Amino acid sequence: MLKFVFDADAAIKLAKSGVLEKITLFAKCIMPKQVYEEVLKGKEKMYEDAFIVEELVHKNKISVATTNHEQINGLGAGECAALRLFEFLQADAIISDDRKFLSLLELREIPFITPIDAVALLALKHKITKQDAINALNRLHTLVRKENYQEAMKTIGGI
C-alpha cells in the first residue's frame, strides 16, 4: 500500500474537494501532529474541512504522528514536520500545494503530489468516477492554479 504524508494545505483542499476519504482507501495517509493542529484551527471558524479531517483521524483513516524536525527557512512547522515524517517513514510521496514547499521538494528530488494530481490519480485508478473527479476538481477550481486545474481536467478527460 502506498504511503502519503500530508501537509495542512493538502488535507484542507482534499477535504473541500470531497475525496479525502477516498484517498485513505487507496493509501496509508499520515500527517504530523503540527499539521493536524493547524487544520483543526479551522474548527474555530466552523470550516467544514477541519471537521472532516478530525473525523477521519478519529476513524483511524488518517494517522497523526509526532516527529521532531529542524526549522527550514521560509517554511512553516507543518511543512518541516511533513518533510521529516516523509523521510522517517520512507513514504511514497508528500501531498502538498504550498508553492515554497513544492519548490524545496523539487530541488531535493522528493516525490510530491498536489491535491489536483491526487484527484486525477483517483480517477485514473478507478477509485472514483470521472464525474466525481470533475466535481472534485470544480470544487478546487478557485483554490488552485488555473493551468494545474486544466491539466488535471484534460488528464481525466473532463475537457
N, C-alpha and C. Protein backbone atom coordinates (compact mmCIF):
# COMPACT_ATOMS: atom_id res chain seq x y z
N MET A 1 0.84 -1.18 0.00
CA MET A 1 0.00 0.00 0.00
C MET A 1 0.89 1.24 0.00
N LEU A 2 0.49 2.23 -0.77
CA LEU A 2 1.22 3.49 -0.83
C LEU A 2 1.14 4.22 0.50
N LYS A 3 2.16 5.03 0.79
CA LYS A 3 2.16 5.87 1.99
C LYS A 3 2.29 7.33 1.55
N PHE A 4 1.32 8.14 1.94
CA PHE A 4 1.34 9.56 1.64
C PHE A 4 1.40 10.36 2.93
N VAL A 5 2.23 11.40 2.94
CA VAL A 5 2.30 12.34 4.05
C VAL A 5 1.65 13.64 3.59
N PHE A 6 0.75 14.17 4.39
CA PHE A 6 0.01 15.39 4.07
C PHE A 6 0.58 16.59 4.80
N ASP A 7 0.52 17.74 4.14
CA ASP A 7 0.65 18.99 4.86
C ASP A 7 -0.77 19.55 5.02
N ALA A 8 -0.91 20.66 5.73
CA ALA A 8 -2.25 21.19 6.03
C ALA A 8 -2.98 21.62 4.76
N ASP A 9 -2.28 22.28 3.86
CA ASP A 9 -2.89 22.76 2.64
C ASP A 9 -3.53 21.61 1.86
N ALA A 10 -2.82 20.52 1.76
CA ALA A 10 -3.34 19.35 1.02
C ALA A 10 -4.55 18.75 1.72
N ALA A 11 -4.46 18.55 3.02
CA ALA A 11 -5.58 17.95 3.75
C ALA A 11 -6.84 18.81 3.63
N ILE A 12 -6.65 20.13 3.73
CA ILE A 12 -7.79 21.04 3.65
C ILE A 12 -8.41 21.00 2.25
N LYS A 13 -7.58 21.10 1.23
CA LYS A 13 -8.11 21.11 -0.14
C LYS A 13 -8.77 19.79 -0.51
N LEU A 14 -8.17 18.69 -0.10
CA LEU A 14 -8.77 17.39 -0.43
C LEU A 14 -10.07 17.16 0.34
N ALA A 15 -10.15 17.69 1.57
CA ALA A 15 -11.42 17.63 2.29
C ALA A 15 -12.47 18.48 1.58
N LYS A 16 -12.09 19.68 1.14
CA LYS A 16 -13.02 20.55 0.41
C LYS A 16 -13.48 19.90 -0.89
N SER A 17 -12.58 19.16 -1.52
CA SER A 17 -12.92 18.54 -2.82
C SER A 17 -13.90 17.38 -2.66
N GLY A 18 -13.95 16.82 -1.45
CA GLY A 18 -14.84 15.69 -1.21
C GLY A 18 -14.21 14.32 -1.44
N VAL A 19 -12.90 14.26 -1.69
CA VAL A 19 -12.26 12.97 -1.99
C VAL A 19 -11.25 12.51 -0.95
N LEU A 20 -11.07 13.25 0.13
CA LEU A 20 -10.06 12.89 1.11
C LEU A 20 -10.25 11.47 1.62
N GLU A 21 -11.47 11.10 1.96
CA GLU A 21 -11.71 9.75 2.47
C GLU A 21 -11.38 8.70 1.42
N LYS A 22 -11.63 8.99 0.15
CA LYS A 22 -11.31 8.04 -0.93
C LYS A 22 -9.81 7.77 -0.99
N ILE A 23 -9.00 8.80 -0.73
CA ILE A 23 -7.55 8.60 -0.74
C ILE A 23 -7.13 7.67 0.39
N THR A 24 -7.82 7.74 1.52
CA THR A 24 -7.47 6.88 2.65
C THR A 24 -7.76 5.41 2.36
N LEU A 25 -8.61 5.14 1.37
CA LEU A 25 -8.90 3.76 0.98
C LEU A 25 -7.85 3.23 0.00
N PHE A 26 -7.11 4.14 -0.60
CA PHE A 26 -6.15 3.84 -1.64
C PHE A 26 -4.71 3.81 -1.11
N ALA A 27 -4.46 4.57 -0.02
CA ALA A 27 -3.11 4.70 0.51
C ALA A 27 -3.16 4.92 2.02
N LYS A 28 -2.07 4.58 2.68
CA LYS A 28 -1.92 4.91 4.10
C LYS A 28 -1.61 6.39 4.17
N CYS A 29 -2.42 7.13 4.89
CA CYS A 29 -2.29 8.58 4.96
C CYS A 29 -1.87 9.00 6.36
N ILE A 30 -0.81 9.80 6.40
CA ILE A 30 -0.23 10.22 7.67
C ILE A 30 0.01 11.72 7.63
N MET A 31 -0.19 12.37 8.76
CA MET A 31 0.16 13.78 8.87
C MET A 31 0.85 14.01 10.21
N PRO A 32 1.80 14.92 10.24
CA PRO A 32 2.43 15.26 11.52
C PRO A 32 1.43 15.94 12.45
N LYS A 33 1.70 15.83 13.73
CA LYS A 33 0.83 16.46 14.73
C LYS A 33 0.69 17.95 14.48
N GLN A 34 1.78 18.60 14.06
CA GLN A 34 1.75 20.04 13.80
C GLN A 34 0.75 20.37 12.68
N VAL A 35 0.68 19.52 11.68
CA VAL A 35 -0.26 19.72 10.57
C VAL A 35 -1.69 19.52 11.07
N TYR A 36 -1.90 18.47 11.84
CA TYR A 36 -3.24 18.19 12.36
C TYR A 36 -3.74 19.36 13.20
N GLU A 37 -2.89 19.88 14.05
CA GLU A 37 -3.27 21.02 14.89
C GLU A 37 -3.58 22.25 14.05
N GLU A 38 -2.81 22.45 12.99
CA GLU A 38 -3.06 23.58 12.08
C GLU A 38 -4.42 23.44 11.40
N VAL A 39 -4.73 22.24 10.95
CA VAL A 39 -6.02 22.00 10.28
C VAL A 39 -7.17 22.23 11.27
N LEU A 40 -7.01 21.74 12.49
CA LEU A 40 -8.08 21.86 13.48
C LEU A 40 -8.38 23.29 13.89
N LYS A 41 -7.46 24.20 13.65
CA LYS A 41 -7.75 25.62 13.94
C LYS A 41 -8.95 26.10 13.13
N GLY A 42 -9.22 25.44 12.02
CA GLY A 42 -10.38 25.80 11.20
C GLY A 42 -11.70 25.55 11.89
N LYS A 43 -11.72 24.71 12.92
CA LYS A 43 -12.96 24.46 13.65
C LYS A 43 -13.47 25.72 14.32
N GLU A 44 -12.53 26.59 14.74
CA GLU A 44 -12.92 27.84 15.40
C GLU A 44 -13.80 28.69 14.49
N LYS A 45 -13.55 28.61 13.19
CA LYS A 45 -14.32 29.37 12.21
C LYS A 45 -15.36 28.51 11.52
N MET A 46 -15.56 27.32 12.07
CA MET A 46 -16.58 26.37 11.59
C MET A 46 -16.32 25.92 10.14
N TYR A 47 -15.04 25.80 9.76
CA TYR A 47 -14.70 25.30 8.43
C TYR A 47 -14.97 23.80 8.38
N GLU A 48 -15.79 23.40 7.44
CA GLU A 48 -16.19 22.00 7.33
C GLU A 48 -14.99 21.08 7.13
N ASP A 49 -13.99 21.54 6.39
CA ASP A 49 -12.82 20.69 6.12
C ASP A 49 -12.13 20.25 7.41
N ALA A 50 -12.08 21.12 8.40
CA ALA A 50 -11.44 20.77 9.67
C ALA A 50 -12.19 19.62 10.36
N PHE A 51 -13.50 19.66 10.31
CA PHE A 51 -14.32 18.61 10.92
C PHE A 51 -14.17 17.29 10.15
N ILE A 52 -14.04 17.37 8.83
CA ILE A 52 -13.85 16.17 8.01
C ILE A 52 -12.53 15.50 8.36
N VAL A 53 -11.46 16.29 8.45
CA VAL A 53 -10.15 15.73 8.79
C VAL A 53 -10.19 15.12 10.19
N GLU A 54 -10.79 15.83 11.13
CA GLU A 54 -10.88 15.33 12.50
C GLU A 54 -11.62 13.99 12.54
N GLU A 55 -12.71 13.89 11.80
CA GLU A 55 -13.47 12.64 11.77
C GLU A 55 -12.64 11.49 11.19
N LEU A 56 -11.89 11.76 10.13
CA LEU A 56 -11.06 10.71 9.53
C LEU A 56 -9.94 10.27 10.45
N VAL A 57 -9.42 11.18 11.23
CA VAL A 57 -8.41 10.82 12.23
C VAL A 57 -9.04 9.96 13.31
N HIS A 58 -10.22 10.35 13.79
CA HIS A 58 -10.90 9.57 14.83
C HIS A 58 -11.29 8.18 14.33
N LYS A 59 -11.55 8.05 13.05
CA LYS A 59 -11.88 6.74 12.46
C LYS A 59 -10.62 5.95 12.09
N ASN A 60 -9.44 6.50 12.42
CA ASN A 60 -8.15 5.87 12.11
C ASN A 60 -7.92 5.69 10.61
N LYS A 61 -8.52 6.55 9.82
CA LYS A 61 -8.29 6.52 8.38
C LYS A 61 -7.10 7.40 8.00
N ILE A 62 -6.80 8.38 8.85
CA ILE A 62 -5.60 9.19 8.73
C ILE A 62 -4.87 9.08 10.07
N SER A 63 -3.58 8.78 10.00
CA SER A 63 -2.76 8.69 11.21
C SER A 63 -2.10 10.04 11.48
N VAL A 64 -1.95 10.34 12.76
CA VAL A 64 -1.24 11.54 13.18
C VAL A 64 0.01 11.07 13.92
N ALA A 65 1.16 11.58 13.51
CA ALA A 65 2.43 11.16 14.08
C ALA A 65 3.18 12.35 14.67
N THR A 66 3.82 12.10 15.79
CA THR A 66 4.65 13.12 16.40
C THR A 66 6.08 12.92 15.91
N THR A 67 6.68 13.99 15.48
CA THR A 67 8.05 13.91 14.97
C THR A 67 8.81 15.18 15.31
N ASN A 68 10.09 15.01 15.55
CA ASN A 68 10.96 16.16 15.72
C ASN A 68 11.38 16.62 14.34
N HIS A 69 11.63 17.90 14.21
CA HIS A 69 12.05 18.42 12.92
C HIS A 69 12.92 19.65 13.12
N GLU A 70 13.74 19.91 12.13
CA GLU A 70 14.52 21.14 12.17
C GLU A 70 13.79 22.18 11.33
N GLN A 71 13.92 23.43 11.74
CA GLN A 71 13.26 24.50 11.01
C GLN A 71 14.01 24.78 9.72
N ILE A 72 13.28 24.92 8.64
CA ILE A 72 13.86 25.27 7.35
C ILE A 72 13.37 26.67 7.02
N ASN A 73 14.29 27.54 6.72
CA ASN A 73 13.97 28.94 6.46
C ASN A 73 12.89 29.06 5.39
N GLY A 74 11.84 29.81 5.71
CA GLY A 74 10.76 30.06 4.76
C GLY A 74 9.61 29.08 4.82
N LEU A 75 9.75 28.01 5.59
CA LEU A 75 8.68 27.02 5.70
C LEU A 75 8.10 27.03 7.10
N GLY A 76 6.82 26.66 7.19
CA GLY A 76 6.17 26.56 8.47
C GLY A 76 6.52 25.26 9.18
N ALA A 77 6.14 25.18 10.43
CA ALA A 77 6.42 23.98 11.23
C ALA A 77 5.78 22.74 10.63
N GLY A 78 4.58 22.89 10.06
CA GLY A 78 3.88 21.75 9.47
C GLY A 78 4.62 21.17 8.28
N GLU A 79 5.11 22.03 7.40
CA GLU A 79 5.85 21.55 6.23
C GLU A 79 7.17 20.90 6.65
N CYS A 80 7.86 21.52 7.61
CA CYS A 80 9.12 20.94 8.10
C CYS A 80 8.88 19.57 8.73
N ALA A 81 7.83 19.46 9.51
CA ALA A 81 7.50 18.18 10.14
C ALA A 81 7.07 17.15 9.09
N ALA A 82 6.35 17.58 8.07
CA ALA A 82 5.94 16.66 7.00
C ALA A 82 7.15 16.11 6.27
N LEU A 83 8.13 16.96 6.01
CA LEU A 83 9.34 16.51 5.34
C LEU A 83 10.08 15.50 6.20
N ARG A 84 10.21 15.77 7.48
CA ARG A 84 10.90 14.83 8.39
C ARG A 84 10.13 13.52 8.48
N LEU A 85 8.82 13.59 8.56
CA LEU A 85 8.00 12.38 8.64
C LEU A 85 8.12 11.56 7.36
N PHE A 86 8.10 12.22 6.22
CA PHE A 86 8.29 11.55 4.93
C PHE A 86 9.59 10.76 4.94
N GLU A 87 10.67 11.39 5.37
CA GLU A 87 11.97 10.73 5.40
C GLU A 87 11.98 9.57 6.39
N PHE A 88 11.42 9.78 7.57
CA PHE A 88 11.41 8.75 8.60
C PHE A 88 10.61 7.52 8.17
N LEU A 89 9.46 7.76 7.57
CA LEU A 89 8.58 6.65 7.16
C LEU A 89 8.96 6.05 5.82
N GLN A 90 9.86 6.71 5.11
CA GLN A 90 10.19 6.32 3.74
C GLN A 90 8.90 6.22 2.93
N ALA A 91 8.12 7.27 3.02
CA ALA A 91 6.82 7.33 2.34
C ALA A 91 7.02 7.43 0.83
N ASP A 92 5.94 7.24 0.11
CA ASP A 92 6.00 7.30 -1.35
C ASP A 92 5.95 8.73 -1.88
N ALA A 93 5.22 9.60 -1.20
CA ALA A 93 5.12 10.99 -1.66
C ALA A 93 4.55 11.87 -0.56
N ILE A 94 4.82 13.15 -0.70
CA ILE A 94 4.19 14.17 0.14
C ILE A 94 3.09 14.79 -0.71
N ILE A 95 1.94 15.01 -0.10
CA ILE A 95 0.86 15.71 -0.79
C ILE A 95 0.81 17.13 -0.23
N SER A 96 1.00 18.09 -1.13
CA SER A 96 1.04 19.50 -0.74
C SER A 96 0.67 20.37 -1.93
N ASP A 97 0.29 21.59 -1.64
CA ASP A 97 0.04 22.58 -2.69
C ASP A 97 0.69 23.90 -2.31
N ASP A 98 1.59 23.85 -1.34
CA ASP A 98 2.31 25.05 -0.90
C ASP A 98 3.49 25.27 -1.84
N ARG A 99 3.48 26.37 -2.56
CA ARG A 99 4.49 26.61 -3.61
C ARG A 99 5.92 26.60 -3.09
N LYS A 100 6.17 27.26 -1.94
CA LYS A 100 7.54 27.26 -1.40
C LYS A 100 7.98 25.84 -1.05
N PHE A 101 7.08 25.10 -0.45
CA PHE A 101 7.38 23.72 -0.06
C PHE A 101 7.62 22.86 -1.30
N LEU A 102 6.77 23.00 -2.29
CA LEU A 102 6.94 22.22 -3.52
C LEU A 102 8.26 22.54 -4.21
N SER A 103 8.69 23.80 -4.17
CA SER A 103 9.98 24.17 -4.75
C SER A 103 11.12 23.46 -4.05
N LEU A 104 11.03 23.40 -2.73
CA LEU A 104 12.07 22.70 -1.96
C LEU A 104 12.05 21.21 -2.27
N LEU A 105 10.88 20.62 -2.33
CA LEU A 105 10.77 19.19 -2.63
C LEU A 105 11.34 18.90 -4.01
N GLU A 106 11.03 19.75 -4.95
CA GLU A 106 11.55 19.57 -6.31
C GLU A 106 13.08 19.68 -6.31
N LEU A 107 13.61 20.66 -5.62
CA LEU A 107 15.06 20.86 -5.52
C LEU A 107 15.75 19.64 -4.91
N ARG A 108 15.11 19.05 -3.91
CA ARG A 108 15.69 17.88 -3.23
C ARG A 108 15.29 16.55 -3.89
N GLU A 109 14.55 16.65 -4.98
CA GLU A 109 14.09 15.46 -5.73
C GLU A 109 13.27 14.51 -4.86
N ILE A 110 12.37 15.11 -4.08
CA ILE A 110 11.46 14.36 -3.22
C ILE A 110 10.12 14.27 -3.92
N PRO A 111 9.58 13.07 -4.08
CA PRO A 111 8.31 12.93 -4.79
C PRO A 111 7.15 13.62 -4.07
N PHE A 112 6.36 14.33 -4.86
CA PHE A 112 5.19 15.00 -4.29
C PHE A 112 4.03 14.91 -5.26
N ILE A 113 2.85 15.10 -4.71
CA ILE A 113 1.60 15.11 -5.47
C ILE A 113 0.83 16.33 -4.99
N THR A 114 0.25 17.07 -5.89
CA THR A 114 -0.62 18.16 -5.48
C THR A 114 -2.03 17.61 -5.26
N PRO A 115 -2.88 18.32 -4.55
CA PRO A 115 -4.26 17.84 -4.38
C PRO A 115 -4.97 17.61 -5.72
N ILE A 116 -4.73 18.47 -6.68
CA ILE A 116 -5.33 18.31 -8.01
C ILE A 116 -4.86 17.00 -8.64
N ASP A 117 -3.54 16.73 -8.54
CA ASP A 117 -3.00 15.49 -9.07
C ASP A 117 -3.60 14.28 -8.36
N ALA A 118 -3.84 14.41 -7.06
CA ALA A 118 -4.42 13.30 -6.29
C ALA A 118 -5.82 12.98 -6.79
N VAL A 119 -6.59 14.00 -7.10
CA VAL A 119 -7.94 13.77 -7.64
C VAL A 119 -7.85 13.04 -8.97
N ALA A 120 -6.97 13.50 -9.85
CA ALA A 120 -6.79 12.85 -11.15
C ALA A 120 -6.32 11.41 -10.98
N LEU A 121 -5.42 11.18 -10.04
CA LEU A 121 -4.92 9.83 -9.78
C LEU A 121 -6.05 8.90 -9.35
N LEU A 122 -6.92 9.38 -8.47
CA LEU A 122 -8.06 8.57 -8.04
C LEU A 122 -8.94 8.19 -9.23
N ALA A 123 -9.14 9.13 -10.13
CA ALA A 123 -9.97 8.84 -11.31
C ALA A 123 -9.28 7.84 -12.23
N LEU A 124 -7.99 8.03 -12.46
CA LEU A 124 -7.24 7.14 -13.35
C LEU A 124 -7.16 5.72 -12.80
N LYS A 125 -7.13 5.60 -11.48
CA LYS A 125 -7.08 4.28 -10.83
C LYS A 125 -8.48 3.72 -10.58
N HIS A 126 -9.49 4.41 -11.07
CA HIS A 126 -10.89 3.99 -10.96
C HIS A 126 -11.35 3.85 -9.51
N LYS A 127 -10.82 4.72 -8.66
CA LYS A 127 -11.25 4.76 -7.26
C LYS A 127 -12.42 5.72 -7.08
N ILE A 128 -12.57 6.63 -8.05
CA ILE A 128 -13.74 7.49 -8.13
C ILE A 128 -14.14 7.56 -9.60
N THR A 129 -15.39 7.91 -9.84
CA THR A 129 -15.86 8.01 -11.22
C THR A 129 -15.31 9.29 -11.85
N LYS A 130 -15.35 9.31 -13.16
CA LYS A 130 -14.93 10.51 -13.89
C LYS A 130 -15.76 11.71 -13.45
N GLN A 131 -17.07 11.52 -13.29
CA GLN A 131 -17.93 12.63 -12.87
C GLN A 131 -17.59 13.10 -11.45
N ASP A 132 -17.30 12.16 -10.54
CA ASP A 132 -16.89 12.55 -9.19
C ASP A 132 -15.59 13.34 -9.22
N ALA A 133 -14.67 12.95 -10.09
CA ALA A 133 -13.40 13.67 -10.23
C ALA A 133 -13.64 15.08 -10.77
N ILE A 134 -14.50 15.20 -11.77
CA ILE A 134 -14.83 16.52 -12.32
C ILE A 134 -15.44 17.40 -11.24
N ASN A 135 -16.36 16.84 -10.47
CA ASN A 135 -16.99 17.59 -9.38
C ASN A 135 -15.95 18.03 -8.35
N ALA A 136 -15.03 17.12 -7.99
CA ALA A 136 -13.98 17.45 -7.02
C ALA A 136 -13.07 18.55 -7.56
N LEU A 137 -12.68 18.43 -8.81
CA LEU A 137 -11.81 19.45 -9.41
C LEU A 137 -12.53 20.80 -9.46
N ASN A 138 -13.81 20.78 -9.76
CA ASN A 138 -14.57 22.03 -9.80
C ASN A 138 -14.66 22.68 -8.43
N ARG A 139 -14.70 21.87 -7.36
CA ARG A 139 -14.72 22.44 -6.00
C ARG A 139 -13.39 23.12 -5.67
N LEU A 140 -12.32 22.68 -6.32
CA LEU A 140 -10.99 23.24 -6.07
C LEU A 140 -10.60 24.33 -7.05
N HIS A 141 -11.40 24.52 -8.06
CA HIS A 141 -11.05 25.41 -9.16
C HIS A 141 -10.51 26.77 -8.72
N THR A 142 -11.14 27.40 -7.76
CA THR A 142 -10.72 28.73 -7.33
C THR A 142 -9.57 28.70 -6.33
N LEU A 143 -9.18 27.51 -5.88
CA LEU A 143 -8.14 27.39 -4.86
C LEU A 143 -6.79 26.96 -5.42
N VAL A 144 -6.75 26.63 -6.70
CA VAL A 144 -5.52 26.11 -7.30
C VAL A 144 -5.17 26.90 -8.56
N ARG A 145 -3.96 26.69 -9.04
CA ARG A 145 -3.52 27.37 -10.26
C ARG A 145 -4.34 26.88 -11.46
N LYS A 146 -4.72 27.83 -12.29
CA LYS A 146 -5.57 27.55 -13.44
C LYS A 146 -4.98 26.47 -14.33
N GLU A 147 -3.67 26.55 -14.62
CA GLU A 147 -3.05 25.57 -15.50
C GLU A 147 -3.03 24.16 -14.89
N ASN A 148 -2.91 24.07 -13.58
CA ASN A 148 -2.97 22.76 -12.91
C ASN A 148 -4.37 22.16 -13.01
N TYR A 149 -5.36 23.01 -12.80
CA TYR A 149 -6.75 22.58 -12.92
C TYR A 149 -7.03 22.08 -14.33
N GLN A 150 -6.63 22.84 -15.33
CA GLN A 150 -6.88 22.47 -16.72
C GLN A 150 -6.16 21.17 -17.10
N GLU A 151 -4.93 21.02 -16.63
CA GLU A 151 -4.17 19.80 -16.93
C GLU A 151 -4.83 18.57 -16.30
N ALA A 152 -5.32 18.70 -15.06
CA ALA A 152 -5.99 17.59 -14.41
C ALA A 152 -7.29 17.24 -15.13
N MET A 153 -8.04 18.26 -15.54
CA MET A 153 -9.28 18.01 -16.30
C MET A 153 -8.96 17.28 -17.60
N LYS A 154 -7.92 17.71 -18.26
CA LYS A 154 -7.51 17.07 -19.51
C LYS A 154 -7.11 15.62 -19.25
N THR A 155 -6.38 15.38 -18.17
CA THR A 155 -5.92 14.03 -17.83
C THR A 155 -7.08 13.06 -17.64
N ILE A 156 -8.13 13.53 -16.99
CA ILE A 156 -9.26 12.62 -16.74
C ILE A 156 -10.29 12.64 -17.86
N GLY A 157 -10.05 13.46 -18.88
CA GLY A 157 -10.98 13.52 -20.00
C GLY A 157 -12.18 14.40 -19.73
N GLY A 158 -12.01 15.36 -18.83
CA GLY A 158 -13.12 16.24 -18.47
C GLY A 158 -13.23 17.49 -19.31
N ILE A 159 -12.24 17.71 -20.18
CA ILE A 159 -12.28 18.90 -21.05
C ILE A 159 -12.40 18.43 -22.48
